[in-house]
N, C-alpha and C. Protein backbone atom coordinates (compact mmCIF):
# COMPACT_ATOMS: atom_id res chain seq x y z
N MET A 1 36.29 -13.70 -38.39
CA MET A 1 36.41 -15.13 -38.86
C MET A 1 35.59 -15.19 -40.01
N GLU A 2 35.75 -15.79 -41.12
CA GLU A 2 35.29 -16.14 -42.44
C GLU A 2 34.40 -17.19 -42.22
N ASN A 3 33.18 -17.14 -43.25
CA ASN A 3 32.24 -18.46 -43.06
C ASN A 3 32.71 -19.55 -43.03
N LYS A 4 33.78 -19.87 -44.13
CA LYS A 4 34.31 -21.12 -43.92
C LYS A 4 34.97 -21.85 -43.05
N ASP A 5 35.63 -20.72 -42.30
CA ASP A 5 36.33 -21.02 -41.12
C ASP A 5 35.38 -21.26 -39.70
N ILE A 6 34.42 -20.50 -39.85
CA ILE A 6 33.23 -20.98 -38.85
C ILE A 6 32.65 -22.19 -38.98
N PHE A 7 32.55 -22.43 -40.61
CA PHE A 7 31.88 -24.02 -40.69
C PHE A 7 32.82 -25.28 -40.49
N ALA A 8 33.97 -24.84 -40.63
CA ALA A 8 35.03 -26.02 -40.30
C ALA A 8 35.15 -25.86 -38.53
N TYR A 9 35.22 -24.92 -37.86
CA TYR A 9 35.41 -24.96 -36.77
C TYR A 9 34.14 -25.61 -36.32
N MET A 10 32.87 -25.54 -36.69
CA MET A 10 31.51 -26.24 -35.99
C MET A 10 31.70 -27.61 -36.16
N GLN A 11 32.07 -27.87 -37.82
CA GLN A 11 32.12 -29.40 -37.59
C GLN A 11 33.22 -30.12 -37.08
N ALA A 12 34.35 -29.48 -36.77
CA ALA A 12 35.22 -30.13 -35.65
C ALA A 12 34.72 -30.20 -34.26
N LEU A 13 33.99 -29.26 -34.24
CA LEU A 13 33.44 -29.36 -32.67
C LEU A 13 32.34 -30.08 -32.59
N GLU A 14 31.70 -30.75 -33.86
CA GLU A 14 30.82 -31.42 -33.78
C GLU A 14 31.35 -32.84 -33.77
N LYS A 15 32.08 -33.18 -34.11
CA LYS A 15 33.23 -34.66 -34.12
C LYS A 15 33.70 -34.60 -33.00
N GLN A 16 34.02 -33.47 -31.89
CA GLN A 16 34.47 -33.75 -30.69
C GLN A 16 33.42 -34.34 -29.59
N ILE A 17 32.09 -33.42 -29.87
CA ILE A 17 31.16 -33.80 -29.28
C ILE A 17 30.57 -35.15 -29.25
N ALA A 18 30.48 -35.57 -30.49
CA ALA A 18 30.23 -37.02 -31.09
C ALA A 18 31.10 -38.06 -30.40
N LYS A 19 32.32 -37.84 -30.22
CA LYS A 19 33.53 -38.71 -29.61
C LYS A 19 33.12 -38.46 -28.41
N VAL A 20 33.11 -37.44 -27.56
CA VAL A 20 32.73 -37.17 -25.96
C VAL A 20 31.65 -38.24 -25.70
N HIS A 21 30.46 -37.91 -26.44
CA HIS A 21 29.31 -38.57 -26.20
C HIS A 21 29.26 -40.19 -26.44
N GLY A 22 30.23 -40.86 -27.28
CA GLY A 22 30.45 -42.37 -27.21
C GLY A 22 31.20 -42.65 -26.22
N ASP A 23 32.18 -41.89 -25.75
CA ASP A 23 32.86 -42.08 -24.57
C ASP A 23 32.12 -42.04 -23.36
N PHE A 24 31.38 -41.40 -23.35
CA PHE A 24 30.16 -41.24 -22.30
C PHE A 24 29.25 -42.23 -21.98
N GLY A 25 28.97 -42.63 -23.37
CA GLY A 25 27.83 -43.94 -23.17
C GLY A 25 28.82 -45.14 -23.01
N THR A 26 30.11 -45.41 -23.26
CA THR A 26 30.75 -46.62 -22.76
C THR A 26 31.26 -46.56 -21.17
N LEU A 27 31.25 -45.33 -20.69
CA LEU A 27 31.57 -45.23 -19.52
C LEU A 27 30.26 -45.45 -18.62
N MET A 28 28.91 -45.12 -19.28
CA MET A 28 27.88 -45.60 -18.31
C MET A 28 27.59 -47.09 -18.55
N LEU A 29 27.85 -47.69 -19.81
CA LEU A 29 27.88 -49.09 -19.71
C LEU A 29 28.63 -49.89 -18.76
N GLU A 30 29.88 -49.58 -18.69
CA GLU A 30 30.76 -50.18 -17.56
C GLU A 30 30.08 -50.05 -16.35
N VAL A 31 29.73 -48.49 -15.93
CA VAL A 31 29.16 -48.39 -14.42
C VAL A 31 28.08 -49.32 -14.37
N LYS A 32 27.27 -49.51 -15.15
CA LYS A 32 26.06 -50.13 -14.88
C LYS A 32 26.61 -51.74 -14.83
N LYS A 33 27.45 -52.12 -15.51
CA LYS A 33 28.04 -53.44 -14.89
C LYS A 33 28.80 -53.95 -13.58
N LEU A 34 29.42 -52.73 -13.63
CA LEU A 34 29.92 -52.65 -12.05
C LEU A 34 28.67 -52.94 -10.77
N MET A 35 27.76 -51.74 -11.21
CA MET A 35 26.74 -51.67 -10.17
C MET A 35 26.00 -53.19 -10.09
N GLU A 36 25.80 -53.87 -11.19
CA GLU A 36 25.18 -54.92 -11.31
C GLU A 36 26.18 -56.30 -10.30
N GLU A 37 27.47 -55.78 -10.54
CA GLU A 37 28.03 -57.13 -9.97
C GLU A 37 28.19 -56.84 -8.34
N ASN A 38 28.20 -55.36 -8.27
CA ASN A 38 28.16 -55.23 -6.86
C ASN A 38 27.08 -55.17 -6.05
N GLN A 39 25.74 -55.43 -6.64
CA GLN A 39 24.86 -55.93 -6.07
C GLN A 39 24.56 -57.40 -6.06
N GLN A 40 25.39 -58.02 -7.12
CA GLN A 40 25.12 -59.41 -7.11
C GLN A 40 26.19 -59.80 -5.78
N LEU A 41 27.28 -59.22 -5.52
CA LEU A 41 28.43 -59.67 -4.52
C LEU A 41 27.28 -58.96 -2.99
N ARG A 42 26.60 -58.22 -3.28
CA ARG A 42 26.33 -57.93 -1.78
C ARG A 42 25.49 -58.80 -1.35
N LEU A 43 24.46 -59.32 -2.28
CA LEU A 43 23.57 -60.48 -2.13
C LEU A 43 24.24 -61.92 -1.51
N GLU A 44 24.97 -61.92 -2.18
CA GLU A 44 25.73 -63.50 -2.04
C GLU A 44 26.45 -63.14 -0.42
N ASN A 45 27.22 -61.93 0.08
CA ASN A 45 27.70 -61.76 1.19
C ASN A 45 26.77 -61.83 2.30
N GLU A 46 25.43 -61.27 2.05
CA GLU A 46 24.20 -61.32 2.95
C GLU A 46 23.70 -62.82 3.06
N LYS A 47 23.88 -63.56 1.92
CA LYS A 47 23.56 -65.10 2.25
C LYS A 47 24.67 -65.60 3.17
N MET A 48 25.84 -65.29 2.45
CA MET A 48 26.83 -66.02 3.28
C MET A 48 26.75 -65.49 4.61
N ARG A 49 26.76 -64.85 5.20
CA ARG A 49 26.72 -64.35 6.83
C ARG A 49 25.23 -64.50 7.31
N LYS A 50 24.37 -64.96 6.63
CA LYS A 50 23.04 -66.07 7.30
C LYS A 50 23.66 -67.45 7.37
N VAL A 51 24.28 -68.02 6.39
CA VAL A 51 24.84 -69.07 6.60
C VAL A 51 25.94 -69.39 7.63
N LEU A 52 26.67 -68.47 7.76
CA LEU A 52 27.55 -68.31 9.03
C LEU A 52 27.01 -68.27 10.21
N LYS A 53 26.11 -67.20 10.41
CA LYS A 53 25.28 -67.06 11.77
C LYS A 53 24.61 -68.30 11.92
N GLN A 54 24.04 -68.98 10.99
CA GLN A 54 23.30 -70.22 11.32
C GLN A 54 24.36 -71.31 12.09
N GLU A 55 25.24 -71.17 11.55
CA GLU A 55 26.59 -72.60 11.92
C GLU A 55 27.24 -71.97 13.32
N ASN A 56 27.17 -70.69 13.59
CA ASN A 56 27.16 -70.11 14.49
C ASN A 56 26.68 -70.48 16.03
N GLU A 57 25.52 -70.30 15.55
CA GLU A 57 24.29 -70.87 16.37
C GLU A 57 24.08 -72.30 17.08
N ILE A 58 25.07 -72.95 16.49
CA ILE A 58 24.99 -74.41 17.02
C ILE A 58 25.64 -74.51 18.08
N GLU A 59 25.09 -75.20 19.31
CA GLU A 59 25.22 -75.34 20.68
C GLU A 59 26.77 -76.08 20.60
N PRO A 60 27.40 -75.36 21.68
CA PRO A 60 28.86 -76.13 21.81
C PRO A 60 28.81 -77.46 22.36
N VAL A 61 29.36 -78.47 22.23
CA VAL A 61 29.39 -79.54 22.60
C VAL A 61 30.37 -79.83 23.73
N SER A 62 29.84 -80.35 24.86
CA SER A 62 30.85 -80.59 25.96
C SER A 62 31.84 -81.98 25.71
N SER A 63 32.84 -82.00 26.49
CA SER A 63 33.99 -82.92 26.40
C SER A 63 33.68 -84.57 26.12
N GLU A 64 32.66 -84.79 26.72
CA GLU A 64 31.98 -86.36 26.69
C GLU A 64 31.36 -86.33 25.13
N GLY A 65 31.01 -85.23 24.66
CA GLY A 65 29.99 -85.11 23.57
C GLY A 65 30.65 -84.85 22.49
N LYS A 66 32.06 -84.25 22.75
CA LYS A 66 33.18 -84.54 21.80
C LYS A 66 33.74 -85.83 21.44
N GLN A 67 33.56 -86.79 22.53
CA GLN A 67 34.29 -88.09 22.54
C GLN A 67 33.16 -88.79 21.50
N GLU A 68 32.05 -88.68 21.90
CA GLU A 68 30.87 -89.33 21.14
C GLU A 68 30.85 -89.01 19.63
N GLN A 69 30.89 -87.60 19.36
CA GLN A 69 30.81 -87.13 18.13
C GLN A 69 32.34 -87.48 17.29
N ALA A 70 33.36 -87.81 18.36
CA ALA A 70 34.55 -88.52 17.36
C ALA A 70 34.37 -89.46 16.85
N GLN A 71 33.77 -90.81 17.85
CA GLN A 71 33.10 -91.89 17.71
C GLN A 71 32.42 -91.90 16.26
N LEU A 72 31.46 -91.06 16.23
CA LEU A 72 29.91 -91.05 15.42
C LEU A 72 30.97 -90.62 14.03
N GLU A 73 31.99 -89.48 14.06
CA GLU A 73 32.70 -89.16 12.51
C GLU A 73 33.31 -90.22 12.02
N HIS A 74 34.03 -91.26 13.10
CA HIS A 74 34.85 -92.29 12.75
C HIS A 74 33.69 -92.94 11.55
N LYS A 75 32.66 -93.37 12.30
CA LYS A 75 32.01 -94.50 11.75
C LYS A 75 31.29 -93.67 10.16
N GLU A 76 31.03 -92.19 10.50
CA GLU A 76 30.35 -91.68 9.15
C GLU A 76 31.71 -91.61 8.32
N ASN A 77 32.59 -91.65 8.47
CA ASN A 77 33.92 -91.66 7.12
C ASN A 77 33.50 -92.69 6.61
N THR A 78 32.93 -93.53 6.89
CA THR A 78 32.83 -94.76 5.85
C THR A 78 31.80 -94.41 5.00
N ASP A 79 31.27 -93.76 5.22
CA ASP A 79 30.02 -92.93 4.33
C ASP A 79 30.41 -91.66 3.63
N ILE A 80 31.34 -91.13 3.30
CA ILE A 80 31.48 -89.75 3.11
C ILE A 80 31.23 -89.39 1.67
N VAL A 81 30.90 -90.26 0.73
CA VAL A 81 30.59 -89.98 -0.14
C VAL A 81 29.13 -89.45 -0.15
N GLY A 82 28.16 -90.25 0.64
CA GLY A 82 26.90 -89.41 0.94
C GLY A 82 26.67 -88.43 1.77
N GLU A 83 27.93 -88.24 2.59
CA GLU A 83 27.85 -87.33 3.17
C GLU A 83 28.32 -85.77 2.49
N GLY A 84 29.35 -85.81 1.40
CA GLY A 84 29.71 -84.73 0.49
C GLY A 84 28.56 -84.63 -0.46
N TYR A 85 27.65 -85.48 -0.72
CA TYR A 85 26.56 -85.17 -1.49
C TYR A 85 25.71 -84.17 -0.83
N ASP A 86 25.40 -84.63 0.27
CA ASP A 86 24.59 -83.83 1.18
C ASP A 86 24.89 -82.47 1.34
N ASN A 87 26.16 -82.31 1.58
CA ASN A 87 26.77 -81.01 1.83
C ASN A 87 26.47 -80.26 0.19
N LEU A 88 26.69 -80.95 -0.69
CA LEU A 88 26.72 -80.01 -2.32
C LEU A 88 24.94 -79.58 -2.28
N ALA A 89 24.03 -80.78 -2.04
CA ALA A 89 22.66 -80.69 -2.08
C ALA A 89 22.47 -79.38 -1.01
N ARG A 90 22.72 -79.51 0.26
CA ARG A 90 22.80 -78.33 1.05
C ARG A 90 22.97 -77.08 0.53
N LEU A 91 24.06 -77.07 -0.18
CA LEU A 91 24.49 -75.61 -0.71
C LEU A 91 23.93 -75.17 -1.82
N TYR A 92 23.38 -76.01 -2.66
CA TYR A 92 22.29 -75.75 -3.91
C TYR A 92 20.95 -75.29 -3.23
N HIS A 93 20.27 -75.76 -2.35
CA HIS A 93 19.55 -75.16 -1.94
C HIS A 93 19.28 -74.02 -1.01
N GLU A 94 20.59 -73.67 -0.79
CA GLU A 94 20.95 -72.46 0.08
C GLU A 94 21.12 -71.12 -0.92
N GLY A 95 21.33 -71.89 -2.50
CA GLY A 95 21.20 -70.59 -3.24
C GLY A 95 22.56 -70.65 -4.15
N PHE A 96 23.11 -71.65 -4.06
CA PHE A 96 24.58 -71.49 -4.89
C PHE A 96 24.62 -72.65 -5.50
N HIS A 97 25.29 -72.57 -6.98
CA HIS A 97 25.75 -73.19 -7.97
C HIS A 97 27.00 -74.05 -7.55
N ILE A 98 26.77 -75.16 -7.60
CA ILE A 98 27.38 -76.42 -7.29
C ILE A 98 28.22 -77.24 -8.53
N CYS A 99 27.91 -76.84 -9.88
CA CYS A 99 28.19 -77.24 -11.06
C CYS A 99 29.51 -76.84 -11.45
N ASN A 100 30.41 -77.57 -12.35
CA ASN A 100 31.69 -77.23 -12.35
C ASN A 100 31.75 -75.65 -13.35
N VAL A 101 30.63 -75.06 -13.79
CA VAL A 101 30.60 -74.17 -14.39
C VAL A 101 30.78 -72.82 -13.71
N TYR A 102 29.79 -72.75 -12.88
CA TYR A 102 29.48 -71.55 -11.91
C TYR A 102 29.56 -71.58 -10.23
N TYR A 103 30.16 -72.69 -10.27
CA TYR A 103 30.77 -73.08 -8.80
C TYR A 103 30.71 -72.22 -7.73
N GLY A 104 30.00 -72.07 -7.02
CA GLY A 104 30.40 -70.96 -5.59
C GLY A 104 29.38 -69.70 -6.08
N HIS A 105 28.88 -69.61 -7.10
CA HIS A 105 28.21 -68.43 -7.71
C HIS A 105 26.97 -68.24 -6.82
N LEU A 106 26.23 -67.27 -6.68
CA LEU A 106 24.93 -66.91 -6.28
C LEU A 106 23.99 -67.44 -7.57
N ARG A 107 23.14 -68.41 -6.96
CA ARG A 107 21.82 -68.48 -8.33
C ARG A 107 21.12 -67.38 -8.08
N THR A 108 20.84 -66.80 -9.32
CA THR A 108 19.87 -65.49 -9.25
C THR A 108 18.45 -66.03 -9.91
N GLU A 109 18.57 -66.78 -11.07
CA GLU A 109 17.80 -67.23 -12.36
C GLU A 109 16.97 -68.53 -11.83
N GLY A 110 16.75 -68.70 -10.62
CA GLY A 110 16.28 -70.00 -10.69
C GLY A 110 17.14 -71.16 -10.59
N ASP A 111 16.55 -72.44 -10.72
CA ASP A 111 17.45 -73.64 -10.93
C ASP A 111 18.35 -73.57 -11.97
N CYS A 112 19.22 -74.55 -11.70
CA CYS A 112 20.61 -74.41 -12.57
C CYS A 112 20.48 -76.14 -13.21
N LEU A 113 20.56 -76.14 -14.65
CA LEU A 113 20.24 -77.29 -15.30
C LEU A 113 21.46 -78.32 -14.94
N PHE A 114 22.80 -77.67 -14.94
CA PHE A 114 24.12 -78.25 -14.77
C PHE A 114 24.26 -78.75 -13.44
N CYS A 115 23.40 -77.82 -12.51
CA CYS A 115 23.74 -78.30 -11.06
C CYS A 115 22.60 -79.52 -10.66
N LEU A 116 21.68 -79.48 -11.51
CA LEU A 116 20.19 -80.41 -11.49
C LEU A 116 21.09 -81.80 -11.73
N SER A 117 21.41 -81.41 -12.69
CA SER A 117 22.36 -82.71 -13.66
C SER A 117 23.05 -83.46 -12.62
N PHE A 118 24.09 -82.78 -11.89
CA PHE A 118 25.02 -83.24 -11.10
C PHE A 118 24.46 -83.54 -9.90
N LEU A 119 23.15 -83.22 -9.41
CA LEU A 119 22.79 -83.82 -8.35
C LEU A 119 22.19 -84.90 -8.49
N ASN A 120 21.56 -85.60 -9.59
CA ASN A 120 20.85 -86.61 -10.35
C ASN A 120 21.77 -87.67 -10.74
N LYS A 121 22.82 -87.55 -10.44
CA LYS A 121 23.95 -88.50 -10.93
C LYS A 121 24.06 -89.47 -9.82
């Protein structure tokens, strides 16, 4: 192999290495995003499991209690707006977004101005 051929071969090899390096960097960024999303979903899943566990720990109501509860619910239906607000406030305090921008997503960076403005309406 002549010197020119060796030099041309080295240049082609250098271009291939640069391309592989770029592809590897892109792949690393994608893996990082997937790992962050996976961690966020794990946290959200854990929080939802805690909420579900708390709801399942509520004592079952007897048949007489069910009738009384049905009567109370009928009376409370007139105040549905307040109940809905209370449910949204509870969700927000449990760490979830209630705003139309990120509804249902886990709040990871503290308070959300959109959610707070919605609660203050």
